[in-house]
Amino acid sequence: MTPQTASEKILSAHCGQPARAGEIVICRVDCVIGTDGSGPMAIDYFGQMGGRALFDPSRVFFSLDHYAPPDTPETKAFHRRIRDFAAAHGATVFDVGEGISHQVVVDRRLVRAGDLVVGADSHTVTCGALGAFAIGVGSSDLAAAMLTGKIWLRVPETIRVVLRGRRPAGVAAKDVALKLVGEIGADGANYQAIEFHGDAVPEISMDDRLVLCNLMVEAGAKAAMFPGPDASDAQADFIREAVCDLSLVAPQIARPHAPDNVVALREAAGIPVQMVFIGTCTGGRAGDFRDAWSAFTRAGGRLADGVQLVLTPASRDVHDEIAADGTLERFLAAGATLTETGCGACCGTSGVIPGDGMTVLSTANRNFKGRMGNATAEIYLASPAACGAAAATGRIPAAI
């Protein structure tokens, strides 16, 4: 049999024939995830396509995560429409406060290695940490998948990313991901799959795998995956290979206004910040908050004057975990603001919005102009520990 990449193997299994990079295939899907940001439009398309029933209600999910909580009559109507549609058709709704779509399906073990996952959020690629082929799609493709249980795809070429060595102390998965995005470039992996290989992979935790897959969409990747049962064959055809020696990675930072505008953290050291954001689907897991708290305490343990510290857990499970271990209480006692779990503060649709001209240091995945709801803000991206230290000092740190 001709050697295949992991992506080709998964898509072959889902289209019923050998799938090669560059070919167009029609594949069955295992999991369909809508959000309140695009769900109403997908429901419209579903009706226009003559939809009367979902292909399999047990595999269709909606997450009310972008307008969490809804703060206008329009966004309240989005939620009502999704709830009504789901109730009529038997789909599951992850309601306000349950968390970000692709984090909730991971928390609840609704995605497995080898699955084909389509979601209305571009960061659905996060699920590739489990060995799934997970992609973000538009509302019309989402509607078609809801109706037919299928999606058409061009099979992507694959970049083999080899991870070697061991990270130094103070270097997070976010630093590795930012370095890769900076080196690959915003369009360097456009409509290509990224597969992680190398002797460092077995030592990478699931939370860190989620971060690495999540950020690869900022390099244009269609999908990003860690090895599962459908591992690539040794002689598979990769479009190129990139090698990352983890032992040589230093803390990184993405400067405004692009996730690939990446330099070593020390090059931005000393820049004053007025807001620190810790959370969302890139940096909002329990370990992220613990790392941030440790750095915060090492840097003085008091919120710097003039700094607003905002916390957004990625899911209710994460919220409950950091509440149970005391991390959340300690942050709140230090003056942090807690927002509802979800995407709102990250993308500027609800929650806390930066003031005019603020400089923000964030654990999120994007720093485009206007990303957090104010186009005059300057947003930098860094690790949870870097953000924790900045919250205590009021400045971007030189090191962790």
Protein backbone atom coordinates (compact mmCIF):
# COMPACT_ATOMS: atom_id res chain seq x y z
CA MET A 1 0.00 0.00 0.00
CA THR A 2 1.22 3.51 -0.79
CA PRO A 3 2.54 5.23 2.36
CA GLN A 4 0.20 7.87 3.80
CA THR A 5 0.30 10.73 6.27
CA ALA A 6 -1.99 10.64 9.29
CA SER A 7 -4.32 13.14 7.62
CA GLU A 8 -4.55 11.02 4.49
CA LYS A 9 -5.27 7.92 6.58
CA ILE A 10 -8.08 9.55 8.54
CA LEU A 11 -9.67 11.08 5.46
CA SER A 12 -9.34 7.77 3.59
CA ALA A 13 -11.20 6.01 6.38
CA HIS A 14 -13.93 8.64 6.25
CA CYS A 15 -14.41 8.77 2.48
CA GLY A 16 -14.15 5.03 1.82
CA GLN A 17 -11.30 5.20 -0.68
CA PRO A 18 -7.58 6.03 -0.68
CA ALA A 19 -7.17 9.78 -0.24
CA ARG A 20 -4.05 11.58 -1.44
CA ALA A 21 -2.95 15.17 -0.92
CA GLY A 22 -4.52 17.46 -3.50
CA GLU A 23 -7.56 15.28 -4.16
CA ILE A 24 -11.16 16.31 -3.46
CA VAL A 25 -13.03 13.86 -1.25
CA ILE A 26 -16.43 13.67 0.42
CA CYS A 27 -16.08 12.42 3.98
CA ARG A 28 -18.46 11.41 6.73
CA VAL A 29 -18.03 13.40 9.93
CA ASP A 30 -17.96 12.24 13.54
CA CYS A 31 -18.61 15.50 15.36
CA VAL A 32 -20.22 18.78 14.28
CA ILE A 33 -19.87 21.84 16.53
CA GLY A 34 -21.69 25.13 16.02
CA THR A 35 -21.34 28.30 18.08
CA ASP A 36 -23.54 31.26 18.87
CA GLY A 37 -21.34 33.32 16.58
CA SER A 38 -22.21 31.39 13.42
CA GLY A 39 -24.94 28.99 14.51
CA PRO A 40 -27.90 31.21 13.54
CA MET A 41 -26.54 31.57 9.99
CA ALA A 42 -25.91 27.82 9.80
CA ILE A 43 -29.51 27.24 10.88
CA ASP A 44 -30.65 29.56 8.09
CA TYR A 45 -28.60 27.60 5.55
CA PHE A 46 -29.94 24.34 6.97
CA GLY A 47 -33.47 25.51 6.20
CA GLN A 48 -32.52 26.77 2.74
CA MET A 49 -31.04 23.34 1.99
CA GLY A 50 -34.40 21.77 2.78
CA GLY A 51 -33.26 20.42 6.14
CA ARG A 52 -35.89 18.61 8.16
CA ALA A 53 -33.71 16.52 10.46
CA LEU A 54 -30.10 16.29 11.62
CA PHE A 55 -28.07 13.41 10.23
CA ASP A 56 -27.41 12.20 13.80
CA PRO A 57 -28.53 14.45 16.69
CA SER A 58 -26.08 12.75 19.07
CA ARG A 59 -23.18 14.10 17.01
CA VAL A 60 -24.31 17.73 16.67
CA PHE A 61 -23.41 20.26 19.36
CA PHE A 62 -23.88 23.99 19.81
CA SER A 63 -21.79 26.06 22.19
CA LEU A 64 -23.02 29.42 23.48
CA ASP A 65 -19.51 30.73 24.02
CA HIS A 66 -18.93 33.88 21.96
CA TYR A 67 -21.68 36.00 23.51
CA ALA A 68 -21.27 34.77 27.06
CA PRO A 69 -23.19 36.33 28.59
CA PRO A 70 -25.32 37.93 25.84
CA ASP A 71 -25.50 41.67 26.42
CA THR A 72 -27.80 42.87 23.64
CA PRO A 73 -31.29 41.88 22.45
CA GLU A 74 -29.71 40.59 19.23
CA THR A 75 -27.30 38.23 20.96
CA LYS A 76 -30.02 37.04 23.33
CA ALA A 77 -32.05 36.23 20.22
CA PHE A 78 -29.11 34.24 18.78
CA HIS A 79 -29.13 32.07 21.90
CA ARG A 80 -32.88 31.61 21.88
CA ARG A 81 -32.81 30.56 18.24
CA ILE A 82 -30.09 27.98 18.84
CA ARG A 83 -31.82 26.57 21.92
CA ASP A 84 -35.11 26.29 20.03
CA PHE A 85 -33.46 24.59 17.03
CA ALA A 86 -31.54 22.16 19.22
CA ALA A 87 -34.65 21.27 21.22
CA ALA A 88 -36.62 20.66 18.02
CA HIS A 89 -33.93 18.48 16.46
CA GLY A 90 -32.37 16.73 19.46
CA ALA A 91 -28.94 18.39 19.35
CA THR A 92 -26.94 19.19 22.49
CA VAL A 93 -26.38 22.76 23.65
CA PHE A 94 -23.41 23.73 25.82
CA ASP A 95 -25.03 26.69 27.48
CA VAL A 96 -23.53 29.97 28.66
CA GLY A 97 -20.89 29.20 31.27
CA GLU A 98 -20.09 25.68 30.11
CA GLY A 99 -17.13 26.91 28.12
CA ILE A 100 -15.46 27.14 24.74
CA SER A 101 -16.73 24.62 22.20
CA HIS A 102 -13.51 22.75 21.43
CA GLN A 103 -12.47 22.69 25.08
CA VAL A 104 -15.84 21.31 26.23
CA VAL A 105 -15.79 18.43 23.74
CA VAL A 106 -12.31 17.53 25.01
CA ASP A 107 -13.39 17.79 28.66
CA ARG A 108 -16.36 15.52 28.00
CA ARG A 109 -14.43 13.04 25.86
CA LEU A 110 -16.65 13.57 22.86
CA VAL A 111 -13.71 13.48 20.42
CA ARG A 112 -11.43 10.48 19.91
CA ALA A 113 -8.27 9.76 17.98
CA GLY A 114 -9.05 9.18 14.32
CA ASP A 115 -12.24 11.26 14.35
CA LEU A 116 -13.14 13.85 11.73
CA VAL A 117 -14.35 16.95 13.58
CA VAL A 118 -15.82 20.06 11.96
CA GLY A 119 -16.51 23.18 13.96
CA ALA A 120 -17.65 26.72 13.30
CA ASP A 121 -14.69 28.09 15.27
CA SER A 122 -11.35 28.23 13.44
CA HIS A 123 -9.63 27.00 16.61
CA THR A 124 -11.45 23.66 16.37
CA VAL A 125 -8.00 22.48 15.21
CA THR A 126 -7.26 22.26 18.96
CA CYS A 127 -8.89 18.81 18.97
CA GLY A 128 -5.99 17.53 16.87
CA ALA A 129 -4.14 17.13 20.16
CA LEU A 130 -6.17 13.92 20.57
CA GLY A 131 -5.11 12.54 17.19
CA ALA A 132 -8.26 13.74 15.40
CA PHE A 133 -8.46 15.57 12.08
CA ALA A 134 -10.25 18.70 13.29
CA ILE A 135 -11.00 21.74 11.16
CA GLY A 136 -12.83 25.03 11.25
CA VAL A 137 -15.50 25.60 8.59
CA GLY A 138 -17.93 28.29 7.50
CA SER A 139 -21.65 28.38 8.24
CA SER A 140 -22.78 26.84 4.95
CA ASP A 141 -20.39 23.89 5.27
CA LEU A 142 -21.49 23.46 8.88
CA ALA A 143 -25.13 23.38 7.78
CA ALA A 144 -24.38 20.77 5.11
CA ALA A 145 -22.60 18.61 7.68
CA MET A 146 -25.52 18.95 10.10
CA LEU A 147 -27.90 17.81 7.37
CA THR A 148 -25.92 15.10 5.58
CA GLY A 149 -23.24 14.03 8.03
CA LYS A 150 -20.69 14.69 5.29
CA ILE A 151 -18.30 17.37 4.14
CA TRP A 152 -16.21 17.86 1.02
CA LEU A 153 -12.53 18.56 1.48
CA ARG A 154 -9.39 19.01 -0.49
CA VAL A 155 -6.91 16.63 1.16
CA PRO A 156 -4.15 18.88 2.52
CA GLU A 157 -0.43 18.46 2.06
CA THR A 158 1.34 17.90 5.36
CA ILE A 159 4.21 19.66 7.10
CA ARG A 160 6.18 17.39 9.41
CA VAL A 161 7.22 19.32 12.54
CA VAL A 162 9.91 17.48 14.49
CA LEU A 163 10.15 18.34 18.19
CA ARG A 164 13.43 17.38 19.82
CA GLY A 165 15.06 17.88 23.19
CA ARG A 166 13.59 19.22 26.39
CA ARG A 167 12.27 22.66 27.22
CA PRO A 168 14.34 24.72 29.65
CA ALA A 169 12.75 25.85 32.90
CA GLY A 170 10.45 28.82 32.30
CA VAL A 171 9.64 27.88 28.70
CA ALA A 172 5.99 27.01 28.12
CA ALA A 173 4.18 25.27 25.29
CA LYS A 174 2.91 28.73 24.34
CA ASP A 175 6.52 29.82 23.76
CA VAL A 176 7.16 26.84 21.48
CA ALA A 177 3.93 27.49 19.59
CA LEU A 178 4.68 31.19 19.12
CA LYS A 179 8.19 30.39 17.91
CA LEU A 180 6.78 27.97 15.33
CA VAL A 181 4.16 30.47 14.16
CA GLY A 182 6.84 33.13 13.85
CA GLU A 183 9.10 30.87 11.83
CA ILE A 184 6.40 29.39 9.60
CA GLY A 185 4.64 32.74 9.07
CA ALA A 186 0.97 33.69 9.02
CA ASP A 187 0.38 32.00 5.64
CA GLY A 188 3.28 29.58 5.67
CA ALA A 189 1.06 26.55 6.27
CA ASN A 190 -1.95 27.80 4.34
CA TYR A 191 -4.41 24.89 3.83
CA GLN A 192 -1.79 22.40 4.95
CA ALA A 193 -1.86 19.96 7.84
CA ILE A 194 0.80 20.10 10.53
CA GLU A 195 1.82 16.85 12.20
CA PHE A 196 4.03 16.79 15.27
CA HIS A 197 6.74 14.13 15.45
CA GLY A 198 10.05 13.63 17.22
CA ASP A 199 11.54 12.21 20.39
CA ALA A 200 10.06 15.02 22.51
CA VAL A 201 6.45 14.11 21.68
CA PRO A 202 5.95 11.38 24.35
CA GLU A 203 6.92 13.88 27.06
CA ILE A 204 4.43 16.54 25.93
CA SER A 205 1.32 16.68 28.12
CA MET A 206 -2.19 16.75 26.71
CA ASP A 207 -2.69 20.36 27.83
CA ASP A 208 0.49 21.35 26.00
CA ARG A 209 -0.59 19.44 22.90
CA LEU A 210 -3.83 21.41 22.92
CA VAL A 211 -1.87 24.68 22.97
CA LEU A 212 0.42 23.64 20.11
CA CYS A 213 -2.44 22.51 17.87
CA ASN A 214 -4.50 25.58 18.74
CA LEU A 215 -1.84 28.07 17.61
CA MET A 216 -1.08 26.37 14.29
CA VAL A 217 -4.15 27.90 12.69
CA GLU A 218 -2.31 31.22 13.13
CA ALA A 219 0.18 29.88 10.57
CA GLY A 220 -2.72 29.12 8.22
CA ALA A 221 -2.90 25.39 8.95
CA LYS A 222 -6.06 23.55 7.95
CA ALA A 223 -5.42 20.98 10.70
CA ALA A 224 -2.77 20.20 13.29
CA MET A 225 -2.30 16.79 14.87
CA PHE A 226 -0.33 14.75 17.34
CA PRO A 227 0.14 11.01 16.64
CA GLY A 228 -2.81 8.70 17.22
CA PRO A 229 -3.60 5.17 15.94
CA ASP A 230 -3.49 6.62 12.43
CA ALA A 231 0.17 7.67 12.67
CA SER A 232 1.93 8.63 9.45
CA ASP A 233 3.86 5.94 7.64
CA ALA A 234 7.64 6.28 7.72
CA GLN A 235 7.82 6.88 3.97
CA ALA A 236 4.80 9.19 3.77
CA ASP A 237 5.07 12.17 1.45
CA PHE A 238 5.47 15.40 3.46
CA ILE A 239 5.57 18.72 1.67
CA ARG A 240 8.38 19.83 3.99
CA GLU A 241 9.92 19.33 7.40
CA ALA A 242 10.59 21.81 10.19
CA VAL A 243 12.77 20.91 13.16
CA CYS A 244 12.40 22.57 16.56
CA ASP A 245 15.01 21.88 19.24
CA LEU A 246 13.07 22.61 22.40
CA SER A 247 16.25 23.02 24.42
CA LEU A 248 17.06 26.15 22.38
CA VAL A 249 13.67 27.82 22.77
CA ALA A 250 13.52 30.92 24.98
CA PRO A 251 10.33 32.66 26.20
CA GLN A 252 8.61 34.34 23.24
CA ILE A 253 6.20 37.19 22.64
CA ALA A 254 4.05 38.20 19.66
CA ARG A 255 4.01 41.96 19.17
CA PRO A 256 1.05 43.92 17.74
CA HIS A 257 -0.75 43.35 15.46
CA ALA A 258 -0.07 39.80 14.21
CA PRO A 259 0.47 36.43 15.89
CA ASP A 260 3.52 35.80 13.70
CA ASN A 261 5.22 39.05 14.72
CA VAL A 262 7.25 37.03 17.21
CA VAL A 263 10.49 37.88 19.02
CA ALA A 264 12.18 36.70 22.19
CA LEU A 265 10.37 37.98 25.27
CA ARG A 266 13.47 39.89 26.40
CA GLU A 267 13.23 42.10 23.29
CA ALA A 268 9.96 43.54 24.59
CA ALA A 269 11.02 43.69 28.24
CA GLY A 270 10.04 46.78 30.17
CA ILE A 271 7.08 47.85 28.03
CA PRO A 272 4.35 49.07 30.43
CA VAL A 273 1.03 47.22 30.37
CA GLN A 274 -2.38 48.34 31.60
CA MET A 275 -4.28 45.07 31.15
CA VAL A 276 -3.24 41.44 31.56
CA PHE A 277 -5.55 38.77 30.19
CA ILE A 278 -5.15 35.15 31.31
CA GLY A 279 -7.54 32.68 29.74
CA THR A 280 -9.36 31.58 26.58
CA CYS A 281 -8.77 28.34 24.63
CA THR A 282 -5.03 28.90 24.36
CA GLY A 283 -4.13 29.86 27.91
CA GLY A 284 -7.19 29.19 30.05
CA ARG A 285 -6.64 25.71 31.50
CA ALA A 286 -6.03 24.95 35.16
CA GLY A 287 -2.28 24.53 34.74
CA ASP A 288 -2.10 27.90 32.98
CA PHE A 289 -3.65 29.69 35.93
CA ARG A 290 -1.35 27.89 38.36
CA ASP A 291 1.70 28.84 36.28
CA ALA A 292 0.51 32.43 36.14
CA TRP A 293 -0.05 32.54 39.90
CA SER A 294 3.42 31.15 40.60
CA ALA A 295 5.00 33.82 38.41
CA PHE A 296 2.78 36.49 39.96
CA THR A 297 3.92 35.58 43.47
CA ARG A 298 7.59 35.40 42.45
CA ALA A 299 7.27 38.89 40.97
CA GLY A 300 5.89 40.37 44.19
CA GLY A 301 2.42 38.91 44.68
CA ARG A 302 0.57 42.24 44.46
CA LEU A 303 -1.33 43.62 41.47
CA ALA A 304 0.64 46.53 40.06
CA ASP A 305 -0.94 49.98 40.23
CA GLY A 306 -2.93 50.79 37.13
CA VAL A 307 -3.09 47.18 35.88
CA GLN A 308 -6.36 45.37 35.25
CA LEU A 309 -6.04 41.59 35.52
CA VAL A 310 -8.75 39.62 33.70
CA LEU A 311 -9.31 35.86 34.07
CA THR A 312 -11.37 33.72 31.68
CA PRO A 313 -11.32 29.95 32.26
CA ALA A 314 -11.71 27.90 29.08
CA SER A 315 -14.54 25.80 30.52
CA ARG A 316 -16.64 25.20 33.59
CA ASP A 317 -14.49 22.18 34.42
CA VAL A 318 -11.43 24.43 34.49
CA HIS A 319 -13.25 27.03 36.59
CA ASP A 320 -14.28 24.40 39.10
CA GLU A 321 -10.77 22.95 39.28
CA ILE A 322 -9.06 26.25 40.06
CA ALA A 323 -11.85 27.12 42.47
CA ALA A 324 -11.34 23.83 44.31
CA ASP A 325 -7.56 24.21 44.66
CA GLY A 326 -7.71 27.84 45.79
CA THR A 327 -6.02 29.38 42.75
CA LEU A 328 -9.10 31.35 41.74
CA GLU A 329 -9.71 32.69 45.25
CA ARG A 330 -6.11 33.86 45.51
CA PHE A 331 -6.31 35.70 42.20
CA LEU A 332 -9.60 37.35 43.12
CA ALA A 333 -8.21 38.41 46.50
CA ALA A 334 -5.33 40.04 44.62
CA GLY A 335 -7.80 42.13 42.60
CA ALA A 336 -8.40 40.11 39.44
CA THR A 337 -11.65 40.32 37.48
CA LEU A 338 -13.32 37.01 36.57
CA THR A 339 -15.37 36.85 33.37
CA GLU A 340 -17.76 34.16 32.21
CA THR A 341 -16.09 31.14 30.65
CA GLY A 342 -16.07 31.48 26.89
CA CYS A 343 -14.61 33.48 24.01
CA GLY A 344 -16.13 36.89 24.70
CA ALA A 345 -13.19 38.75 26.27
CA CYS A 346 -10.74 37.23 23.77
CA CYS A 347 -12.60 38.32 20.64
CA GLY A 348 -14.26 41.42 22.10
CA THR A 349 -17.87 40.28 21.82
CA SER A 350 -18.65 40.36 25.55
CA GLY A 351 -16.94 40.60 28.90
CA VAL A 352 -14.09 43.03 29.58
CA ILE A 353 -12.89 45.30 26.77
CA PRO A 354 -9.60 47.25 26.92
CA GLY A 355 -9.77 51.01 27.30
CA ASP A 356 -8.56 53.36 24.61
CA GLY A 357 -4.83 53.12 24.00
CA MET A 358 -4.28 50.32 26.52
CA THR A 359 -1.37 47.94 26.15
CA VAL A 360 -2.52 44.38 26.82
CA LEU A 361 -0.46 41.27 27.54
CA SER A 362 -2.56 38.19 26.78
CA THR A 363 -2.37 34.40 26.79
CA ALA A 364 -4.74 34.27 23.82
CA ASN A 365 -4.04 33.28 20.22
CA ARG A 366 -4.73 36.47 18.28
CA ASN A 367 -3.69 40.09 18.60
CA PHE A 368 -5.14 41.64 15.44
CA LYS A 369 -6.13 45.27 15.66
CA GLY A 370 -9.54 45.40 17.33
CA ARG A 371 -9.36 41.75 18.40
CA MET A 372 -10.43 42.37 22.01
CA GLY A 373 -13.03 44.94 21.07
CA ASN A 374 -10.98 48.14 20.90
CA ALA A 375 -8.96 48.95 17.78
CA THR A 376 -6.80 51.43 19.68
CA ALA A 377 -5.43 48.76 22.04
CA GLU A 378 -1.96 47.26 21.55
CA ILE A 379 -2.10 43.51 22.23
CA TYR A 380 0.93 41.33 22.93
CA LEU A 381 0.75 37.52 23.24
CA ALA A 382 2.84 35.54 25.69
CA SER A 383 2.77 32.59 28.09
CA PRO A 384 0.66 32.44 31.26
CA ALA A 385 3.78 32.83 33.39
CA ALA A 386 4.87 35.95 31.49
CA CYS A 387 1.38 37.37 31.97
CA GLY A 388 1.41 36.55 35.68
CA ALA A 389 4.73 38.34 36.15
CA ALA A 390 3.51 41.37 34.17
CA ALA A 391 0.41 41.64 36.35
CA ALA A 392 2.62 42.09 39.42
CA THR A 393 5.16 44.47 37.89
CA GLY A 394 3.10 46.40 35.36
CA ARG A 395 5.67 45.67 32.67
CA ILE A 396 6.51 42.92 30.20
CA PRO A 397 9.16 40.80 31.93
CA ALA A 398 12.59 40.02 30.51
CA ALA A 399 12.52 36.40 31.66
CA ILE A 400 10.40 33.96 33.64
